[in-house]
Amino acid sequence: MIKFKKLVFTVLSAMLVVASVLPAAAGYGAGDGSGPMASIFDGTPVTVNGVVSALPSIDDRGLKVDTGEEIVAVYGIGSPVIWERLGFMPLEVGEEVSIEAYEVTFSDDSSKLIAVTVTSGDQTVTLRDPETGKPVWRGCQYRCRQGKNTAAGEHQE
C-alpha cells in the first residue's frame, strides 16, 4: 500500500511539473514583455522604408520589407487581429511602409529589429508603449474591445 501511494505521489508530481512547463515552452515566453530584453530602447534606433514583401508566419515571425537594396526582417508588429482590435487595417504584401524600430542585441549576440511604430498610407500604428517599450497589446483585451489604443493616445470610433 505504501509503495502504491509513493507511486501515485511520484506520478502526480511529474504531471504537475510537466503541466507547468508546457505553456511557457509553447508560448514563446511569458508574453508580458518581461523577458531578457524587456527594454528595447537600449537598442539603436532605425528607420526602415520600403515595400512589404512577406508577412510574418508561424515559421518566420518577421515582417519582410524590401528597401530596394535588401530585404529587412522587422519583428514585434503584432498579429492582424490586434491591429483590427486597435482600429487599424492590417498590413498587406505590396504596401509601402515606414517603420520606426530599434535594433536590439540579445544575450546570444543575435540582433533583431523591433518595431515601435508602423506608418502605411495615412495610418500610423503605435506598437510599443513610449515609456516602457512593452507591446501595447499586453493586457489589451479590455482596451482593444473598447477601441482604445492608449499607448497611441487615440480612441477609434
N, C-alpha and C. Protein backbone atom coordinates (compact mmCIF):
# COMPACT_ATOMS: atom_id res chain seq x y z
N MET A 1 0.82 -1.20 0.00
CA MET A 1 0.00 0.00 0.00
C MET A 1 0.87 1.26 0.00
N ILE A 2 1.94 1.24 0.78
CA ILE A 2 2.84 2.39 0.84
C ILE A 2 3.52 2.61 -0.51
N LYS A 3 3.90 1.50 -1.19
CA LYS A 3 4.53 1.63 -2.50
C LYS A 3 3.55 2.25 -3.50
N PHE A 4 2.28 1.85 -3.42
CA PHE A 4 1.27 2.40 -4.32
C PHE A 4 1.10 3.90 -4.09
N LYS A 5 1.03 4.34 -2.84
CA LYS A 5 0.90 5.77 -2.53
C LYS A 5 2.12 6.54 -3.03
N LYS A 6 3.28 5.94 -2.86
CA LYS A 6 4.51 6.59 -3.32
C LYS A 6 4.50 6.74 -4.85
N LEU A 7 4.04 5.68 -5.53
CA LEU A 7 3.96 5.72 -6.98
C LEU A 7 2.96 6.79 -7.44
N VAL A 8 1.80 6.84 -6.82
CA VAL A 8 0.79 7.85 -7.17
C VAL A 8 1.34 9.25 -6.94
N PHE A 9 1.99 9.47 -5.80
CA PHE A 9 2.58 10.77 -5.49
C PHE A 9 3.63 11.16 -6.54
N THR A 10 4.47 10.22 -6.92
CA THR A 10 5.52 10.49 -7.90
C THR A 10 4.91 10.84 -9.26
N VAL A 11 3.91 10.07 -9.69
CA VAL A 11 3.27 10.33 -10.98
C VAL A 11 2.57 11.69 -10.97
N LEU A 12 1.84 12.00 -9.91
CA LEU A 12 1.16 13.29 -9.82
C LEU A 12 2.15 14.45 -9.80
N SER A 13 3.25 14.27 -9.10
CA SER A 13 4.29 15.31 -9.06
C SER A 13 4.88 15.55 -10.45
N ALA A 14 5.15 14.46 -11.16
CA ALA A 14 5.70 14.58 -12.51
C ALA A 14 4.71 15.28 -13.44
N MET A 15 3.43 14.94 -13.32
CA MET A 15 2.41 15.58 -14.15
C MET A 15 2.32 17.07 -13.86
N LEU A 16 2.44 17.45 -12.60
CA LEU A 16 2.39 18.85 -12.22
C LEU A 16 3.57 19.62 -12.82
N VAL A 17 4.74 19.03 -12.77
CA VAL A 17 5.93 19.68 -13.34
C VAL A 17 5.77 19.86 -14.85
N VAL A 18 5.34 18.82 -15.54
CA VAL A 18 5.15 18.90 -16.99
C VAL A 18 4.09 19.93 -17.34
N ALA A 19 2.98 19.93 -16.60
CA ALA A 19 1.90 20.88 -16.88
C ALA A 19 2.33 22.32 -16.67
N SER A 20 3.25 22.56 -15.75
CA SER A 20 3.68 23.94 -15.50
C SER A 20 4.74 24.41 -16.50
N VAL A 21 5.44 23.49 -17.14
CA VAL A 21 6.49 23.85 -18.09
C VAL A 21 5.95 24.00 -19.51
N LEU A 22 4.98 23.20 -19.90
CA LEU A 22 4.48 23.22 -21.28
C LEU A 22 3.97 24.57 -21.76
N PRO A 23 3.17 25.31 -20.98
CA PRO A 23 2.70 26.60 -21.50
C PRO A 23 3.82 27.57 -21.86
N ALA A 24 4.87 27.59 -21.08
CA ALA A 24 5.98 28.50 -21.37
C ALA A 24 6.72 28.06 -22.63
N ALA A 25 6.88 26.76 -22.81
CA ALA A 25 7.59 26.25 -23.99
C ALA A 25 6.81 26.53 -25.27
N ALA A 26 5.51 26.41 -25.21
CA ALA A 26 4.69 26.58 -26.41
C ALA A 26 4.40 28.04 -26.72
N GLY A 27 4.53 28.92 -25.76
CA GLY A 27 4.08 30.29 -25.96
C GLY A 27 5.17 31.31 -26.14
N TYR A 28 6.39 30.93 -26.41
CA TYR A 28 7.49 31.86 -26.63
C TYR A 28 7.72 32.77 -25.42
N GLY A 29 7.51 32.26 -24.22
CA GLY A 29 7.79 33.04 -23.01
C GLY A 29 6.54 33.55 -22.34
N ALA A 30 6.74 34.40 -21.35
CA ALA A 30 5.63 34.90 -20.54
C ALA A 30 4.69 35.79 -21.34
N GLY A 31 5.20 36.48 -22.33
CA GLY A 31 4.35 37.29 -23.18
C GLY A 31 3.99 38.65 -22.63
N ASP A 32 4.66 39.05 -21.55
CA ASP A 32 4.33 40.35 -20.97
C ASP A 32 5.44 41.37 -21.17
N GLY A 33 6.40 41.05 -22.03
CA GLY A 33 7.49 41.98 -22.29
C GLY A 33 8.56 41.98 -21.22
N SER A 34 8.49 41.00 -20.29
CA SER A 34 9.43 40.99 -19.18
C SER A 34 10.60 40.04 -19.42
N GLY A 35 10.80 39.61 -20.65
CA GLY A 35 11.86 38.67 -20.96
C GLY A 35 13.24 39.29 -20.82
N PRO A 36 14.26 38.57 -21.32
CA PRO A 36 15.63 39.03 -21.13
C PRO A 36 15.93 40.39 -21.76
N MET A 37 15.14 40.81 -22.74
CA MET A 37 15.36 42.12 -23.36
C MET A 37 14.08 42.92 -23.21
N ALA A 38 13.74 43.29 -21.99
CA ALA A 38 12.48 43.97 -21.72
C ALA A 38 12.48 45.39 -22.26
N SER A 39 13.64 46.07 -22.28
CA SER A 39 13.68 47.45 -22.75
C SER A 39 14.33 47.52 -24.12
N ILE A 40 13.50 47.63 -25.14
CA ILE A 40 14.07 47.73 -26.49
C ILE A 40 14.76 49.07 -26.70
N PHE A 41 14.45 50.04 -25.86
CA PHE A 41 15.03 51.37 -26.01
C PHE A 41 16.53 51.40 -25.70
N ASP A 42 17.08 50.27 -25.23
CA ASP A 42 18.52 50.16 -25.07
C ASP A 42 19.19 49.90 -26.42
N GLY A 43 18.39 49.58 -27.43
CA GLY A 43 18.92 49.31 -28.76
C GLY A 43 19.18 50.59 -29.54
N THR A 44 19.53 50.41 -30.80
CA THR A 44 19.84 51.52 -31.70
C THR A 44 18.62 51.85 -32.55
N PRO A 45 18.16 53.13 -32.56
CA PRO A 45 17.00 53.49 -33.38
C PRO A 45 17.31 53.35 -34.88
N VAL A 46 16.34 52.80 -35.61
CA VAL A 46 16.49 52.56 -37.04
C VAL A 46 15.16 52.89 -37.72
N THR A 47 15.23 53.48 -38.91
CA THR A 47 14.03 53.69 -39.73
C THR A 47 14.15 52.80 -40.96
N VAL A 48 13.11 52.02 -41.22
CA VAL A 48 13.07 51.14 -42.39
C VAL A 48 11.97 51.64 -43.31
N ASN A 49 12.34 52.01 -44.54
CA ASN A 49 11.38 52.44 -45.56
C ASN A 49 11.41 51.46 -46.71
N GLY A 50 10.23 51.03 -47.15
CA GLY A 50 10.19 50.11 -48.27
C GLY A 50 8.81 49.54 -48.49
N VAL A 51 8.78 48.39 -49.15
CA VAL A 51 7.53 47.73 -49.52
C VAL A 51 7.47 46.38 -48.82
N VAL A 52 6.31 46.07 -48.22
CA VAL A 52 6.13 44.78 -47.55
C VAL A 52 6.24 43.68 -48.60
N SER A 53 7.20 42.76 -48.40
CA SER A 53 7.38 41.66 -49.35
C SER A 53 6.88 40.33 -48.80
N ALA A 54 6.75 40.20 -47.48
CA ALA A 54 6.21 38.98 -46.87
C ALA A 54 5.72 39.30 -45.47
N LEU A 55 4.59 38.69 -45.12
CA LEU A 55 4.02 38.88 -43.78
C LEU A 55 4.58 37.84 -42.83
N PRO A 56 4.55 38.12 -41.52
CA PRO A 56 5.02 37.12 -40.56
C PRO A 56 4.20 35.83 -40.66
N SER A 57 4.86 34.72 -40.37
CA SER A 57 4.18 33.43 -40.38
C SER A 57 4.57 32.67 -39.11
N ILE A 58 4.00 31.50 -38.95
CA ILE A 58 4.33 30.68 -37.78
C ILE A 58 5.80 30.30 -37.83
N ASP A 59 6.32 30.00 -39.03
CA ASP A 59 7.71 29.58 -39.16
C ASP A 59 8.69 30.74 -39.09
N ASP A 60 8.28 31.91 -39.52
CA ASP A 60 9.16 33.08 -39.53
C ASP A 60 8.35 34.29 -39.08
N ARG A 61 8.60 34.75 -37.88
CA ARG A 61 7.76 35.76 -37.26
C ARG A 61 8.09 37.19 -37.68
N GLY A 62 9.03 37.35 -38.60
CA GLY A 62 9.42 38.70 -39.02
C GLY A 62 8.64 39.19 -40.23
N LEU A 63 8.29 40.48 -40.22
CA LEU A 63 7.71 41.15 -41.39
C LEU A 63 8.87 41.46 -42.33
N LYS A 64 8.77 41.07 -43.59
CA LYS A 64 9.84 41.33 -44.55
C LYS A 64 9.53 42.59 -45.33
N VAL A 65 10.51 43.50 -45.37
CA VAL A 65 10.37 44.77 -46.08
C VAL A 65 11.50 44.88 -47.10
N ASP A 66 11.13 45.11 -48.35
CA ASP A 66 12.10 45.30 -49.42
C ASP A 66 12.42 46.79 -49.49
N THR A 67 13.65 47.15 -49.10
CA THR A 67 14.06 48.55 -49.07
C THR A 67 14.57 49.04 -50.43
N GLY A 68 14.65 48.14 -51.39
CA GLY A 68 15.24 48.48 -52.69
C GLY A 68 16.70 48.07 -52.74
N GLU A 69 17.33 47.93 -51.58
CA GLU A 69 18.72 47.48 -51.50
C GLU A 69 18.83 46.09 -50.89
N GLU A 70 17.87 45.77 -49.99
CA GLU A 70 17.88 44.48 -49.32
C GLU A 70 16.50 44.19 -48.73
N ILE A 71 16.31 42.94 -48.34
CA ILE A 71 15.09 42.54 -47.64
C ILE A 71 15.42 42.56 -46.15
N VAL A 72 14.65 43.34 -45.40
CA VAL A 72 14.89 43.50 -43.96
C VAL A 72 13.75 42.85 -43.20
N ALA A 73 14.09 42.11 -42.14
CA ALA A 73 13.08 41.50 -41.27
C ALA A 73 12.85 42.40 -40.07
N VAL A 74 11.58 42.71 -39.79
CA VAL A 74 11.21 43.53 -38.64
C VAL A 74 10.25 42.71 -37.78
N TYR A 75 10.55 42.66 -36.50
CA TYR A 75 9.77 41.84 -35.57
C TYR A 75 8.93 42.71 -34.64
N GLY A 76 7.99 42.06 -33.96
CA GLY A 76 7.20 42.76 -32.95
C GLY A 76 6.07 43.60 -33.50
N ILE A 77 5.53 43.23 -34.68
CA ILE A 77 4.45 44.05 -35.24
C ILE A 77 3.07 43.63 -34.74
N GLY A 78 2.98 42.51 -34.05
CA GLY A 78 1.68 42.05 -33.56
C GLY A 78 0.90 41.36 -34.67
N SER A 79 -0.19 40.74 -34.28
CA SER A 79 -1.00 39.98 -35.24
C SER A 79 -2.02 40.89 -35.93
N PRO A 80 -2.55 40.45 -37.08
CA PRO A 80 -3.61 41.23 -37.74
C PRO A 80 -4.83 41.45 -36.83
N VAL A 81 -5.13 40.47 -35.99
CA VAL A 81 -6.26 40.61 -35.07
C VAL A 81 -6.03 41.78 -34.12
N ILE A 82 -4.82 41.91 -33.61
CA ILE A 82 -4.50 43.03 -32.71
C ILE A 82 -4.68 44.35 -33.44
N TRP A 83 -4.18 44.44 -34.67
CA TRP A 83 -4.32 45.68 -35.44
C TRP A 83 -5.79 46.04 -35.61
N GLU A 84 -6.61 45.04 -35.96
CA GLU A 84 -8.04 45.29 -36.14
C GLU A 84 -8.69 45.75 -34.84
N ARG A 85 -8.32 45.12 -33.73
CA ARG A 85 -8.89 45.50 -32.44
C ARG A 85 -8.47 46.90 -32.02
N LEU A 86 -7.30 47.32 -32.49
CA LEU A 86 -6.84 48.68 -32.20
C LEU A 86 -7.45 49.69 -33.17
N GLY A 87 -8.20 49.20 -34.14
CA GLY A 87 -8.90 50.09 -35.07
C GLY A 87 -8.14 50.39 -36.34
N PHE A 88 -7.18 49.54 -36.71
CA PHE A 88 -6.36 49.77 -37.90
C PHE A 88 -6.46 48.59 -38.85
N MET A 89 -6.23 48.84 -40.13
CA MET A 89 -6.19 47.78 -41.13
C MET A 89 -4.84 47.08 -41.05
N PRO A 90 -4.82 45.74 -41.04
CA PRO A 90 -3.54 45.01 -41.04
C PRO A 90 -2.76 45.26 -42.33
N LEU A 91 -1.46 45.08 -42.25
CA LEU A 91 -0.61 45.26 -43.43
C LEU A 91 -0.85 44.17 -44.45
N GLU A 92 -0.55 44.49 -45.71
CA GLU A 92 -0.65 43.53 -46.80
C GLU A 92 0.63 43.59 -47.63
N VAL A 93 0.94 42.48 -48.29
CA VAL A 93 2.09 42.45 -49.19
C VAL A 93 1.87 43.49 -50.28
N GLY A 94 2.93 44.25 -50.59
CA GLY A 94 2.87 45.29 -51.61
C GLY A 94 2.67 46.69 -51.06
N GLU A 95 2.32 46.82 -49.79
CA GLU A 95 2.12 48.15 -49.19
C GLU A 95 3.46 48.82 -48.91
N GLU A 96 3.50 50.13 -49.15
CA GLU A 96 4.67 50.91 -48.76
C GLU A 96 4.56 51.22 -47.28
N VAL A 97 5.69 51.06 -46.58
CA VAL A 97 5.70 51.30 -45.13
C VAL A 97 6.93 52.09 -44.72
N SER A 98 6.78 52.77 -43.61
CA SER A 98 7.90 53.40 -42.93
C SER A 98 7.82 52.91 -41.49
N ILE A 99 8.86 52.26 -41.03
CA ILE A 99 8.84 51.64 -39.71
C ILE A 99 9.93 52.24 -38.84
N GLU A 100 9.52 52.77 -37.70
CA GLU A 100 10.48 53.20 -36.68
C GLU A 100 10.72 52.00 -35.78
N ALA A 101 11.97 51.60 -35.64
CA ALA A 101 12.30 50.39 -34.90
C ALA A 101 13.57 50.61 -34.09
N TYR A 102 13.90 49.63 -33.29
CA TYR A 102 15.16 49.60 -32.56
C TYR A 102 15.87 48.30 -32.90
N GLU A 103 17.17 48.40 -33.21
CA GLU A 103 17.97 47.20 -33.40
C GLU A 103 18.44 46.76 -32.03
N VAL A 104 17.98 45.60 -31.62
CA VAL A 104 18.24 45.10 -30.27
C VAL A 104 19.18 43.91 -30.36
N THR A 105 20.23 43.92 -29.54
CA THR A 105 21.17 42.81 -29.46
C THR A 105 20.85 42.01 -28.22
N PHE A 106 20.67 40.70 -28.40
CA PHE A 106 20.31 39.81 -27.31
C PHE A 106 21.55 39.20 -26.66
N SER A 107 21.34 38.47 -25.58
CA SER A 107 22.45 37.90 -24.81
C SER A 107 23.26 36.90 -25.62
N ASP A 108 22.68 36.29 -26.67
CA ASP A 108 23.42 35.36 -27.50
C ASP A 108 24.11 36.06 -28.68
N ASP A 109 24.17 37.40 -28.62
CA ASP A 109 24.78 38.26 -29.64
C ASP A 109 24.00 38.30 -30.96
N SER A 110 22.82 37.71 -31.01
CA SER A 110 21.98 37.88 -32.20
C SER A 110 21.28 39.22 -32.07
N SER A 111 20.84 39.77 -33.20
CA SER A 111 20.13 41.05 -33.14
C SER A 111 18.91 41.00 -34.04
N LYS A 112 17.90 41.79 -33.67
CA LYS A 112 16.67 41.89 -34.44
C LYS A 112 16.19 43.33 -34.41
N LEU A 113 15.46 43.70 -35.45
CA LEU A 113 14.78 44.99 -35.48
C LEU A 113 13.40 44.81 -34.86
N ILE A 114 13.10 45.59 -33.82
CA ILE A 114 11.82 45.52 -33.13
C ILE A 114 11.05 46.81 -33.43
N ALA A 115 9.88 46.66 -34.04
CA ALA A 115 9.07 47.81 -34.46
C ALA A 115 8.49 48.57 -33.28
N VAL A 116 8.48 49.90 -33.39
CA VAL A 116 7.83 50.77 -32.41
C VAL A 116 6.59 51.39 -33.03
N THR A 117 6.74 51.94 -34.24
CA THR A 117 5.59 52.45 -35.00
C THR A 117 5.70 51.98 -36.44
N VAL A 118 4.54 51.80 -37.06
CA VAL A 118 4.47 51.44 -38.48
C VAL A 118 3.53 52.43 -39.15
N THR A 119 4.03 53.08 -40.21
CA THR A 119 3.19 54.00 -40.98
C THR A 119 2.99 53.41 -42.37
N SER A 120 1.72 53.36 -42.77
CA SER A 120 1.37 52.90 -44.11
C SER A 120 0.20 53.76 -44.57
N GLY A 121 0.41 54.47 -45.68
CA GLY A 121 -0.63 55.40 -46.14
C GLY A 121 -0.85 56.48 -45.09
N ASP A 122 -2.09 56.67 -44.69
CA ASP A 122 -2.39 57.71 -43.71
C ASP A 122 -2.56 57.16 -42.30
N GLN A 123 -2.19 55.89 -42.08
CA GLN A 123 -2.31 55.33 -40.73
C GLN A 123 -0.94 55.08 -40.11
N THR A 124 -0.79 55.51 -38.88
CA THR A 124 0.41 55.22 -38.10
C THR A 124 -0.03 54.45 -36.87
N VAL A 125 0.51 53.25 -36.73
CA VAL A 125 0.15 52.38 -35.62
C VAL A 125 1.30 52.39 -34.62
N THR A 126 1.01 52.75 -33.38
CA THR A 126 2.00 52.69 -32.30
C THR A 126 1.92 51.30 -31.69
N LEU A 127 3.03 50.56 -31.76
CA LEU A 127 3.05 49.18 -31.30
C LEU A 127 3.69 49.00 -29.93
N ARG A 128 4.44 50.01 -29.49
CA ARG A 128 5.14 49.91 -28.20
C ARG A 128 4.78 51.09 -27.32
N ASP A 129 4.65 50.82 -26.04
CA ASP A 129 4.41 51.89 -25.08
C ASP A 129 5.62 52.82 -25.10
N PRO A 130 5.42 54.13 -25.29
CA PRO A 130 6.55 55.05 -25.42
C PRO A 130 7.40 55.18 -24.15
N GLU A 131 6.87 54.78 -23.01
CA GLU A 131 7.64 54.87 -21.76
C GLU A 131 8.35 53.57 -21.41
N THR A 132 7.67 52.43 -21.62
CA THR A 132 8.23 51.15 -21.19
C THR A 132 8.82 50.33 -22.33
N GLY A 133 8.37 50.58 -23.55
CA GLY A 133 8.80 49.78 -24.69
C GLY A 133 8.05 48.46 -24.82
N LYS A 134 7.14 48.19 -23.91
CA LYS A 134 6.38 46.94 -23.97
C LYS A 134 5.31 47.03 -25.06
N PRO A 135 4.96 45.89 -25.66
CA PRO A 135 3.91 45.90 -26.69
C PRO A 135 2.60 46.45 -26.14
N VAL A 136 1.90 47.26 -26.94
CA VAL A 136 0.65 47.87 -26.49
C VAL A 136 -0.45 46.83 -26.31
N TRP A 137 -0.31 45.67 -26.93
CA TRP A 137 -1.36 44.67 -26.82
C TRP A 137 -1.24 43.84 -25.54
N ARG A 138 -0.20 44.02 -24.76
CA ARG A 138 -0.10 43.31 -23.49
C ARG A 138 -1.19 43.85 -22.58
N GLY A 139 -2.07 43.00 -22.15
CA GLY A 139 -3.20 43.45 -21.34
C GLY A 139 -4.23 44.18 -22.17
N CYS A 140 -4.21 43.94 -23.48
CA CYS A 140 -5.02 44.70 -24.42
C CYS A 140 -6.47 44.23 -24.49
N GLN A 141 -6.78 43.12 -23.88
CA GLN A 141 -8.11 42.55 -24.08
C GLN A 141 -9.21 43.58 -23.84
N TYR A 142 -9.16 44.31 -22.75
CA TYR A 142 -10.20 45.30 -22.47
C TYR A 142 -10.06 46.51 -23.39
N ARG A 143 -8.84 47.08 -23.48
CA ARG A 143 -8.64 48.29 -24.29
C ARG A 143 -9.03 48.05 -25.74
N CYS A 144 -8.65 46.89 -26.27
CA CYS A 144 -8.93 46.61 -27.68
C CYS A 144 -10.42 46.46 -27.92
N ARG A 145 -11.14 45.84 -27.00
CA ARG A 145 -12.59 45.70 -27.18
C ARG A 145 -13.25 47.06 -27.15
N GLN A 146 -12.68 47.99 -26.40
CA GLN A 146 -13.25 49.32 -26.30
C GLN A 146 -12.79 50.22 -27.44
N GLY A 147 -11.88 49.73 -28.31
CA GLY A 147 -11.40 50.53 -29.43
C GLY A 147 -10.42 51.59 -29.00
N LYS A 148 -9.72 51.36 -27.89
CA LYS A 148 -8.79 52.37 -27.39
C LYS A 148 -7.36 51.89 -27.57
N ASN A 149 -6.55 52.70 -28.19
CA ASN A 149 -5.12 52.44 -28.30
C ASN A 149 -4.48 53.43 -27.34
N THR A 150 -4.39 53.06 -26.06
CA THR A 150 -3.96 54.02 -25.06
C THR A 150 -2.51 54.44 -25.24
N ALA A 151 -1.68 53.56 -25.77
CA ALA A 151 -0.28 53.95 -25.96
C ALA A 151 -0.16 55.03 -27.02
N ALA A 152 -1.05 54.99 -28.01
CA ALA A 152 -1.02 56.00 -29.06
C ALA A 152 -1.85 57.21 -28.67
N GLY A 153 -2.58 57.08 -27.56
CA GLY A 153 -3.40 58.20 -27.10
C GLY A 153 -4.58 58.48 -28.00
N GLU A 154 -5.09 57.45 -28.66
CA GLU A 154 -6.18 57.65 -29.61
C GLU A 154 -7.38 56.82 -29.20
N HIS A 155 -8.54 57.28 -29.60
CA HIS A 155 -9.76 56.50 -29.45
C HIS A 155 -10.37 56.35 -30.83
N GLN A 156 -10.52 55.11 -31.26
CA GLN A 156 -11.08 54.85 -32.59
C GLN A 156 -12.58 54.67 -32.47
N GLU A 157 -13.35 55.33 -33.31
CA GLU A 157 -14.82 55.20 -33.30
C GLU A 157 -15.24 54.06 -34.20
